[in-house]
N, C-alpha and C. Protein backbone atom coordinates (compact mmCIF):
# COMPACT_ATOMS: atom_id res chain seq x y z
N MET A 1 0.85 -1.16 0.00
CA MET A 1 0.00 0.00 0.00
C MET A 1 0.90 1.24 0.00
N ALA A 2 0.78 2.05 -0.99
CA ALA A 2 1.57 3.28 -1.07
C ALA A 2 0.75 4.44 -0.51
N LEU A 3 1.38 5.22 0.32
CA LEU A 3 0.71 6.38 0.90
C LEU A 3 0.99 7.62 0.07
N SER A 4 -0.02 8.45 -0.09
CA SER A 4 0.15 9.71 -0.80
C SER A 4 0.86 10.70 0.12
N PRO A 5 1.43 11.77 -0.43
CA PRO A 5 2.07 12.78 0.42
C PRO A 5 1.13 13.39 1.46
N SER A 6 -0.12 13.60 1.11
CA SER A 6 -1.05 14.18 2.08
C SER A 6 -1.37 13.18 3.19
N GLN A 7 -1.43 11.90 2.86
CA GLN A 7 -1.66 10.88 3.88
C GLN A 7 -0.46 10.78 4.83
N ARG A 8 0.76 10.84 4.27
CA ARG A 8 1.97 10.82 5.10
C ARG A 8 1.99 12.03 6.05
N ARG A 9 1.66 13.18 5.53
CA ARG A 9 1.64 14.40 6.35
C ARG A 9 0.63 14.25 7.49
N TYR A 10 -0.55 13.71 7.18
CA TYR A 10 -1.58 13.51 8.20
C TYR A 10 -1.10 12.52 9.26
N LEU A 11 -0.49 11.41 8.85
CA LEU A 11 -0.01 10.41 9.79
C LEU A 11 1.14 10.95 10.65
N ARG A 12 2.00 11.76 10.05
CA ARG A 12 3.08 12.39 10.82
C ARG A 12 2.51 13.28 11.91
N SER A 13 1.44 14.01 11.59
CA SER A 13 0.83 14.89 12.59
C SER A 13 0.21 14.08 13.73
N LEU A 14 -0.38 12.93 13.41
CA LEU A 14 -0.95 12.07 14.46
C LEU A 14 0.14 11.45 15.32
N ALA A 15 1.27 11.12 14.71
CA ALA A 15 2.35 10.44 15.42
C ALA A 15 3.15 11.38 16.31
N HIS A 16 3.00 12.66 16.11
CA HIS A 16 3.81 13.63 16.84
C HIS A 16 3.74 13.43 18.35
N ASP A 17 2.56 13.20 18.89
CA ASP A 17 2.38 13.09 20.33
C ASP A 17 2.53 11.67 20.86
N LEU A 18 2.76 10.69 20.00
CA LEU A 18 2.90 9.30 20.42
C LEU A 18 4.27 9.07 21.07
N HIS A 19 4.29 8.11 21.98
CA HIS A 19 5.55 7.65 22.57
C HIS A 19 5.90 6.33 21.91
N PRO A 20 7.18 5.99 21.84
CA PRO A 20 7.57 4.70 21.23
C PRO A 20 6.92 3.52 21.97
N VAL A 21 6.31 2.63 21.22
CA VAL A 21 5.66 1.44 21.77
C VAL A 21 6.65 0.28 21.82
N ILE A 22 7.52 0.21 20.82
CA ILE A 22 8.51 -0.85 20.71
C ILE A 22 9.90 -0.22 20.85
N LEU A 23 10.70 -0.80 21.74
CA LEU A 23 12.08 -0.33 21.93
C LEU A 23 13.01 -1.48 21.57
N LEU A 24 13.89 -1.26 20.61
CA LEU A 24 14.84 -2.30 20.21
C LEU A 24 16.04 -2.27 21.14
N GLY A 25 16.46 -3.44 21.58
CA GLY A 25 17.60 -3.54 22.48
C GLY A 25 18.89 -3.78 21.73
N ALA A 26 19.85 -4.34 22.42
CA ALA A 26 21.18 -4.58 21.85
C ALA A 26 21.15 -5.58 20.70
N LYS A 27 20.19 -6.51 20.73
CA LYS A 27 20.10 -7.51 19.66
C LYS A 27 19.48 -6.95 18.39
N GLY A 28 18.88 -5.78 18.47
CA GLY A 28 18.29 -5.15 17.29
C GLY A 28 16.95 -5.77 16.93
N ALA A 29 16.65 -5.78 15.64
CA ALA A 29 15.37 -6.30 15.14
C ALA A 29 15.45 -7.82 15.04
N THR A 30 14.63 -8.51 15.84
CA THR A 30 14.59 -9.97 15.83
C THR A 30 13.18 -10.44 15.50
N GLU A 31 13.02 -11.75 15.39
CA GLU A 31 11.70 -12.31 15.10
C GLU A 31 10.72 -12.02 16.25
N ALA A 32 11.20 -12.04 17.48
CA ALA A 32 10.33 -11.75 18.63
C ALA A 32 9.83 -10.31 18.57
N VAL A 33 10.71 -9.39 18.22
CA VAL A 33 10.32 -7.99 18.08
C VAL A 33 9.31 -7.85 16.95
N LEU A 34 9.52 -8.59 15.89
CA LEU A 34 8.62 -8.56 14.74
C LEU A 34 7.20 -8.99 15.15
N LYS A 35 7.10 -10.02 15.97
CA LYS A 35 5.79 -10.49 16.44
C LYS A 35 5.09 -9.44 17.29
N GLU A 36 5.86 -8.80 18.20
CA GLU A 36 5.28 -7.76 19.05
C GLU A 36 4.84 -6.56 18.22
N LEU A 37 5.65 -6.19 17.24
CA LEU A 37 5.30 -5.07 16.37
C LEU A 37 4.06 -5.39 15.56
N ASP A 38 3.93 -6.64 15.11
CA ASP A 38 2.75 -7.05 14.35
C ASP A 38 1.50 -6.90 15.21
N LEU A 39 1.58 -7.30 16.47
CA LEU A 39 0.43 -7.14 17.38
C LEU A 39 0.12 -5.66 17.62
N ALA A 40 1.15 -4.86 17.81
CA ALA A 40 0.95 -3.43 18.06
C ALA A 40 0.32 -2.75 16.84
N LEU A 41 0.77 -3.11 15.64
CA LEU A 41 0.20 -2.52 14.42
C LEU A 41 -1.25 -2.95 14.23
N SER A 42 -1.55 -4.20 14.56
CA SER A 42 -2.93 -4.68 14.44
C SER A 42 -3.85 -3.91 15.38
N HIS A 43 -3.33 -3.57 16.54
CA HIS A 43 -4.16 -2.88 17.52
C HIS A 43 -4.21 -1.37 17.30
N HIS A 44 -3.07 -0.73 17.00
CA HIS A 44 -3.00 0.73 16.93
C HIS A 44 -2.97 1.30 15.51
N GLU A 45 -2.50 0.56 14.54
CA GLU A 45 -2.30 0.99 13.15
C GLU A 45 -1.10 1.92 12.98
N LEU A 46 -0.87 2.82 13.89
CA LEU A 46 0.23 3.77 13.80
C LEU A 46 1.10 3.61 15.04
N VAL A 47 2.39 3.24 14.82
CA VAL A 47 3.26 2.88 15.93
C VAL A 47 4.61 3.55 15.77
N LYS A 48 5.14 4.05 16.89
CA LYS A 48 6.51 4.57 16.93
C LYS A 48 7.42 3.48 17.47
N VAL A 49 8.59 3.35 16.84
CA VAL A 49 9.59 2.36 17.26
C VAL A 49 10.90 3.09 17.50
N LYS A 50 11.52 2.83 18.64
CA LYS A 50 12.84 3.39 18.92
C LYS A 50 13.87 2.33 18.55
N LEU A 51 14.73 2.67 17.58
CA LEU A 51 15.72 1.74 17.07
C LEU A 51 16.92 1.67 18.00
N SER A 52 17.65 0.55 17.92
CA SER A 52 18.86 0.43 18.71
C SER A 52 19.96 1.26 18.08
N GLY A 53 21.06 1.40 18.79
CA GLY A 53 22.17 2.21 18.31
C GLY A 53 22.75 1.68 17.01
N GLY A 54 23.73 2.34 16.53
CA GLY A 54 24.35 1.95 15.28
C GLY A 54 24.38 3.11 14.31
N ASP A 55 25.00 2.87 13.19
CA ASP A 55 25.08 3.94 12.19
C ASP A 55 23.81 3.99 11.36
N LYS A 56 23.76 4.92 10.45
CA LYS A 56 22.56 5.16 9.64
C LYS A 56 22.19 3.94 8.79
N GLU A 57 23.20 3.26 8.25
CA GLU A 57 22.93 2.08 7.42
C GLU A 57 22.31 0.95 8.24
N GLU A 58 22.81 0.75 9.45
CA GLU A 58 22.28 -0.29 10.32
C GLU A 58 20.83 0.01 10.71
N ARG A 59 20.55 1.28 11.02
CA ARG A 59 19.17 1.66 11.35
C ARG A 59 18.25 1.45 10.15
N GLN A 60 18.72 1.76 8.94
CA GLN A 60 17.90 1.57 7.74
C GLN A 60 17.61 0.09 7.51
N GLU A 61 18.60 -0.77 7.79
CA GLU A 61 18.39 -2.21 7.68
C GLU A 61 17.32 -2.68 8.67
N GLN A 62 17.35 -2.13 9.89
CA GLN A 62 16.34 -2.48 10.88
C GLN A 62 14.96 -2.04 10.42
N ILE A 63 14.85 -0.84 9.88
CA ILE A 63 13.57 -0.33 9.39
C ILE A 63 13.05 -1.21 8.26
N ASP A 64 13.91 -1.54 7.32
CA ASP A 64 13.50 -2.40 6.20
C ASP A 64 13.02 -3.76 6.70
N PHE A 65 13.74 -4.35 7.65
CA PHE A 65 13.36 -5.65 8.21
C PHE A 65 11.99 -5.58 8.88
N LEU A 66 11.77 -4.53 9.68
CA LEU A 66 10.50 -4.39 10.39
C LEU A 66 9.34 -4.11 9.43
N ALA A 67 9.57 -3.23 8.46
CA ALA A 67 8.49 -2.88 7.52
C ALA A 67 8.13 -4.06 6.63
N GLU A 68 9.12 -4.77 6.13
CA GLU A 68 8.84 -5.92 5.26
C GLU A 68 8.22 -7.07 6.06
N GLY A 69 8.71 -7.28 7.27
CA GLY A 69 8.21 -8.38 8.09
C GLY A 69 6.78 -8.19 8.56
N THR A 70 6.33 -6.96 8.65
CA THR A 70 4.95 -6.69 9.10
C THR A 70 4.06 -6.15 7.98
N GLN A 71 4.58 -6.05 6.77
CA GLN A 71 3.86 -5.46 5.64
C GLN A 71 3.33 -4.07 5.99
N SER A 72 4.17 -3.29 6.65
CA SER A 72 3.78 -1.94 7.03
C SER A 72 4.54 -0.92 6.19
N GLU A 73 4.13 0.31 6.32
CA GLU A 73 4.71 1.42 5.56
C GLU A 73 5.45 2.35 6.53
N SER A 74 6.67 2.69 6.19
CA SER A 74 7.43 3.65 7.00
C SER A 74 6.92 5.05 6.67
N VAL A 75 6.43 5.74 7.68
CA VAL A 75 5.86 7.07 7.49
C VAL A 75 6.94 8.14 7.66
N GLN A 76 7.79 7.96 8.67
CA GLN A 76 8.76 9.00 9.00
C GLN A 76 9.88 8.38 9.82
N GLN A 77 11.09 8.91 9.64
CA GLN A 77 12.21 8.53 10.49
C GLN A 77 12.94 9.80 10.90
N ILE A 78 13.12 9.94 12.21
CA ILE A 78 13.90 11.06 12.74
C ILE A 78 14.88 10.45 13.73
N GLY A 79 16.15 10.47 13.40
CA GLY A 79 17.17 9.90 14.27
C GLY A 79 16.94 8.43 14.52
N HIS A 80 16.75 8.07 15.79
CA HIS A 80 16.55 6.66 16.17
C HIS A 80 15.08 6.28 16.28
N ILE A 81 14.18 7.16 15.87
CA ILE A 81 12.74 6.90 15.96
C ILE A 81 12.16 6.75 14.56
N VAL A 82 11.36 5.69 14.37
CA VAL A 82 10.67 5.50 13.10
C VAL A 82 9.18 5.30 13.40
N VAL A 83 8.35 5.83 12.50
CA VAL A 83 6.90 5.68 12.61
C VAL A 83 6.45 4.74 11.51
N LEU A 84 5.75 3.67 11.90
CA LEU A 84 5.25 2.68 10.96
C LEU A 84 3.72 2.69 10.97
N PHE A 85 3.13 2.44 9.80
CA PHE A 85 1.68 2.42 9.66
C PHE A 85 1.26 1.18 8.88
N ARG A 86 0.22 0.52 9.37
CA ARG A 86 -0.41 -0.57 8.62
C ARG A 86 -1.89 -0.53 8.92
N ARG A 87 -2.70 -0.42 7.86
CA ARG A 87 -4.15 -0.36 8.02
C ARG A 87 -4.67 -1.69 8.51
N ASN A 88 -5.56 -1.64 9.50
CA ASN A 88 -6.27 -2.82 9.98
C ASN A 88 -7.50 -2.96 9.10
N GLU A 89 -7.48 -3.95 8.21
CA GLU A 89 -8.56 -4.10 7.23
C GLU A 89 -9.89 -4.46 7.88
N ASP A 90 -9.85 -5.19 8.99
CA ASP A 90 -11.09 -5.62 9.65
C ASP A 90 -11.76 -4.48 10.42
N GLU A 91 -10.97 -3.74 11.19
CA GLU A 91 -11.50 -2.64 12.00
C GLU A 91 -10.58 -1.42 11.87
N PRO A 92 -10.70 -0.66 10.79
CA PRO A 92 -9.83 0.53 10.64
C PRO A 92 -10.11 1.55 11.74
N LYS A 93 -9.04 2.07 12.32
CA LYS A 93 -9.17 3.04 13.40
C LYS A 93 -8.90 4.46 12.94
N LEU A 94 -8.05 4.60 11.92
CA LEU A 94 -7.69 5.92 11.42
C LEU A 94 -8.30 6.13 10.04
N ALA A 95 -8.94 7.27 9.86
CA ALA A 95 -9.49 7.63 8.56
C ALA A 95 -8.46 8.49 7.84
N LEU A 96 -7.93 7.97 6.75
CA LEU A 96 -6.92 8.70 6.00
C LEU A 96 -7.57 9.64 4.99
N PRO A 97 -6.98 10.81 4.79
CA PRO A 97 -7.48 11.70 3.72
C PRO A 97 -7.20 11.09 2.36
N ARG A 98 -7.93 11.48 1.38
CA ARG A 98 -7.75 10.95 0.04
C ARG A 98 -6.64 11.64 -0.61
């Protein structure tokens, strides 16, 4: 699912006040983290994740792993924080602009 620029802007505004739900530790992005993120996305649709340390390339690898593993869309990344979005098809909670 590709998000339009206006949808990304809207989701960024909603994510501004959110606190990270998932915190990656020293092991980084693992299968266990992927399962927890999948549950969080199913429940909230819009989730902030705090990435573990490392350089920019390592953080991008973590984002790619998490987004591909949960079929979610990366909305925004600022430093060690990334915002992921996945629509809950059964019970949508967020109404996106067209």
